[in-house]
Amino acid sequence: MTPSKQTCVIRRSSSQRGFTLLEVLVAFVLLSLTLGVILQVFSGGLRNAAAAGHYAAAAIIADSMLARVGRELPLEEGESSGEDGIYRWRLKIEPYQNDTELNQPAAGRYPLYQITLRIQWQYGAQQPELQFNTYRLGGFDAS
């Protein structure tokens, strides 16, 4: 008699059960979708932070330009323009036109000027623009 071969059958209990290939593939798909959404959120946040930085820089330039009007730049009717890095600005000074008591003879000794400052810059395919308006009293008019 020849010795019989013993067949060893290994049975797994339910606690030792592993993942199937389908479960692993579904987990990878879910992981890749989640990572894609997270990366889009982060890149959108970075774009918004860069845009906010440009708006803040434009506001600082505008504050500086408006502070110069009447000191370094004459407070008289006219337009001027220039560049500051990637920012282009255009300053317009004109007499304030309104039919209120500001134009009455007693108040007309000190002319009121309307100052408009526009700042533009290139940001990707866009060209954002900010506009600032303010008013200044001119010097004494003896006429």
Protein backbone atom coordinates (compact mmCIF):
# COMPACT_ATOMS: atom_id res chain seq x y z
CA MET A 1 0.00 0.00 0.00
CA THR A 2 1.14 3.35 -0.79
CA PRO A 3 0.70 6.11 1.62
CA SER A 4 -2.16 8.36 0.61
CA LYS A 5 -1.64 11.96 0.07
CA GLN A 6 -3.30 14.06 2.59
CA THR A 7 -5.12 17.05 1.34
CA CYS A 8 -4.90 20.00 3.57
CA VAL A 9 -7.89 22.28 3.40
CA ILE A 10 -7.48 25.61 5.06
CA ARG A 11 -10.63 27.34 5.95
CA ARG A 12 -10.69 30.95 6.89
CA SER A 13 -12.84 32.14 9.63
CA SER A 14 -15.00 35.19 9.03
CA SER A 15 -12.62 37.36 11.11
CA GLN A 16 -9.69 36.56 8.78
CA ARG A 17 -11.48 37.41 5.60
CA GLY A 18 -9.51 39.83 3.31
CA PHE A 19 -10.53 42.43 0.76
CA THR A 20 -11.52 41.42 -2.71
CA LEU A 21 -10.03 43.04 -5.77
CA LEU A 22 -13.28 44.88 -6.46
CA GLU A 23 -13.30 46.41 -2.97
CA VAL A 24 -9.71 47.60 -3.39
CA LEU A 25 -10.51 49.17 -6.78
CA VAL A 26 -13.56 50.98 -5.38
CA ALA A 27 -11.44 52.29 -2.49
CA PHE A 28 -8.83 53.64 -4.92
CA VAL A 29 -11.49 55.33 -7.05
CA LEU A 30 -13.01 57.00 -3.99
CA LEU A 31 -9.56 58.09 -2.79
CA SER A 32 -8.65 59.58 -6.17
CA LEU A 33 -11.95 61.49 -6.40
CA THR A 34 -11.52 62.85 -2.89
CA LEU A 35 -7.93 63.93 -3.54
CA GLY A 36 -8.99 65.61 -6.79
CA VAL A 37 -11.63 67.67 -4.97
CA ILE A 38 -9.22 68.60 -2.18
CA LEU A 39 -6.56 69.76 -4.67
CA GLN A 40 -9.13 71.89 -6.52
CA VAL A 41 -10.18 73.54 -3.26
CA PHE A 42 -6.57 74.33 -2.35
CA SER A 43 -5.72 75.69 -5.81
CA GLY A 44 -8.86 77.85 -5.76
CA GLY A 45 -7.84 79.18 -2.37
CA LEU A 46 -4.38 80.06 -3.68
CA ARG A 47 -5.87 81.87 -6.68
CA ASN A 48 -8.19 83.85 -4.40
CA ALA A 49 -5.29 84.76 -2.11
CA ALA A 50 -3.27 86.02 -5.09
CA ALA A 51 -6.22 88.07 -6.36
CA ALA A 52 -6.75 89.56 -2.90
CA GLY A 53 -3.08 90.50 -2.80
CA HIS A 54 -3.44 92.37 -6.11
CA TYR A 55 -6.50 94.25 -4.86
CA ALA A 56 -4.70 95.18 -1.64
CA ALA A 57 -1.64 96.42 -3.59
CA ALA A 58 -3.89 98.49 -5.86
CA ALA A 59 -5.60 100.03 -2.82
CA ILE A 60 -2.21 100.93 -1.32
CA ILE A 61 -1.11 102.56 -4.58
CA ALA A 62 -4.40 104.48 -4.72
CA ASP A 63 -4.00 105.70 -1.16
CA SER A 64 -0.49 106.89 -1.96
CA MET A 65 -1.57 108.63 -5.18
CA LEU A 66 -4.53 110.38 -3.56
CA ALA A 67 -2.33 111.57 -0.69
CA ARG A 68 0.01 113.22 -3.21
CA VAL A 69 -2.80 115.29 -4.79
CA GLY A 70 -2.53 118.86 -3.55
CA ARG A 71 1.00 118.32 -2.22
CA GLU A 72 3.24 116.91 -4.95
CA LEU A 73 0.61 116.95 -7.69
CA PRO A 74 -1.18 120.27 -8.31
CA LEU A 75 -4.86 120.43 -7.42
CA GLU A 76 -6.06 121.75 -10.76
CA GLU A 77 -8.30 120.48 -13.51
CA GLY A 78 -6.68 117.89 -15.75
CA GLU A 79 -5.71 114.25 -16.25
CA SER A 80 -2.53 112.33 -15.69
CA SER A 81 -1.55 108.68 -15.94
CA GLY A 82 1.34 106.40 -15.23
CA GLU A 83 2.51 102.95 -14.20
CA ASP A 84 3.66 101.41 -10.97
CA GLY A 85 4.95 97.91 -11.68
CA ILE A 86 2.11 95.90 -13.21
CA TYR A 87 -0.44 98.55 -12.18
CA ARG A 88 -1.56 101.31 -14.55
CA TRP A 89 -3.28 104.34 -13.06
CA ARG A 90 -5.23 107.28 -14.44
CA LEU A 91 -5.99 110.34 -12.32
CA LYS A 92 -8.68 112.82 -13.33
CA ILE A 93 -9.28 116.10 -11.47
CA GLU A 94 -12.30 118.21 -12.38
CA PRO A 95 -14.39 120.90 -10.72
CA TYR A 96 -17.28 119.47 -8.77
CA GLN A 97 -20.56 120.18 -10.56
CA ASN A 98 -23.67 120.12 -8.40
CA ASP A 99 -26.67 122.39 -7.99
CA THR A 100 -26.61 122.44 -4.19
CA GLU A 101 -25.49 125.13 -1.79
CA LEU A 102 -21.87 124.28 -2.50
CA ASN A 103 -22.04 126.36 -5.69
CA GLN A 104 -23.54 129.43 -4.02
CA PRO A 105 -21.40 132.62 -4.09
CA ALA A 106 -20.49 132.46 -0.38
CA ALA A 107 -19.29 128.89 -0.64
CA GLY A 108 -17.66 129.41 -4.05
CA ARG A 109 -14.50 131.03 -2.68
CA TYR A 110 -12.93 127.66 -2.16
CA PRO A 111 -13.51 125.56 -5.27
CA LEU A 112 -14.38 121.92 -4.73
CA TYR A 113 -12.72 119.36 -6.97
CA GLN A 114 -13.80 115.82 -7.71
CA ILE A 115 -10.86 113.44 -8.00
CA THR A 116 -11.25 110.09 -9.78
CA LEU A 117 -8.46 107.52 -9.74
CA ARG A 118 -8.64 104.32 -11.78
CA ILE A 119 -6.15 101.51 -11.35
CA GLN A 120 -5.89 98.52 -13.72
CA TRP A 121 -3.63 95.50 -13.86
CA GLN A 122 -3.31 92.28 -15.84
CA TYR A 123 -4.25 89.12 -13.94
CA GLY A 124 -4.24 86.11 -16.22
CA ALA A 125 -6.81 86.71 -18.94
CA GLN A 126 -8.62 89.31 -16.82
CA GLN A 127 -7.99 93.02 -16.45
CA PRO A 128 -9.42 94.04 -13.06
CA GLU A 129 -10.01 97.73 -12.41
CA LEU A 130 -10.62 99.66 -9.22
CA GLN A 131 -12.03 103.17 -9.15
CA PHE A 132 -11.60 105.58 -6.25
CA ASN A 133 -13.49 108.87 -5.93
CA THR A 134 -12.80 111.67 -3.48
CA TYR A 135 -13.26 115.42 -3.13
CA ARG A 136 -10.80 118.18 -2.19
CA LEU A 137 -11.13 121.86 -1.51
CA GLY A 138 -8.94 124.07 -3.64
CA GLY A 139 -7.13 127.19 -2.56
CA PHE A 140 -8.78 130.54 -1.89
CA ASP A 141 -10.32 132.10 -5.00
CA ALA A 142 -10.37 135.91 -4.69
CA SER A 143 -12.61 136.42 -7.72
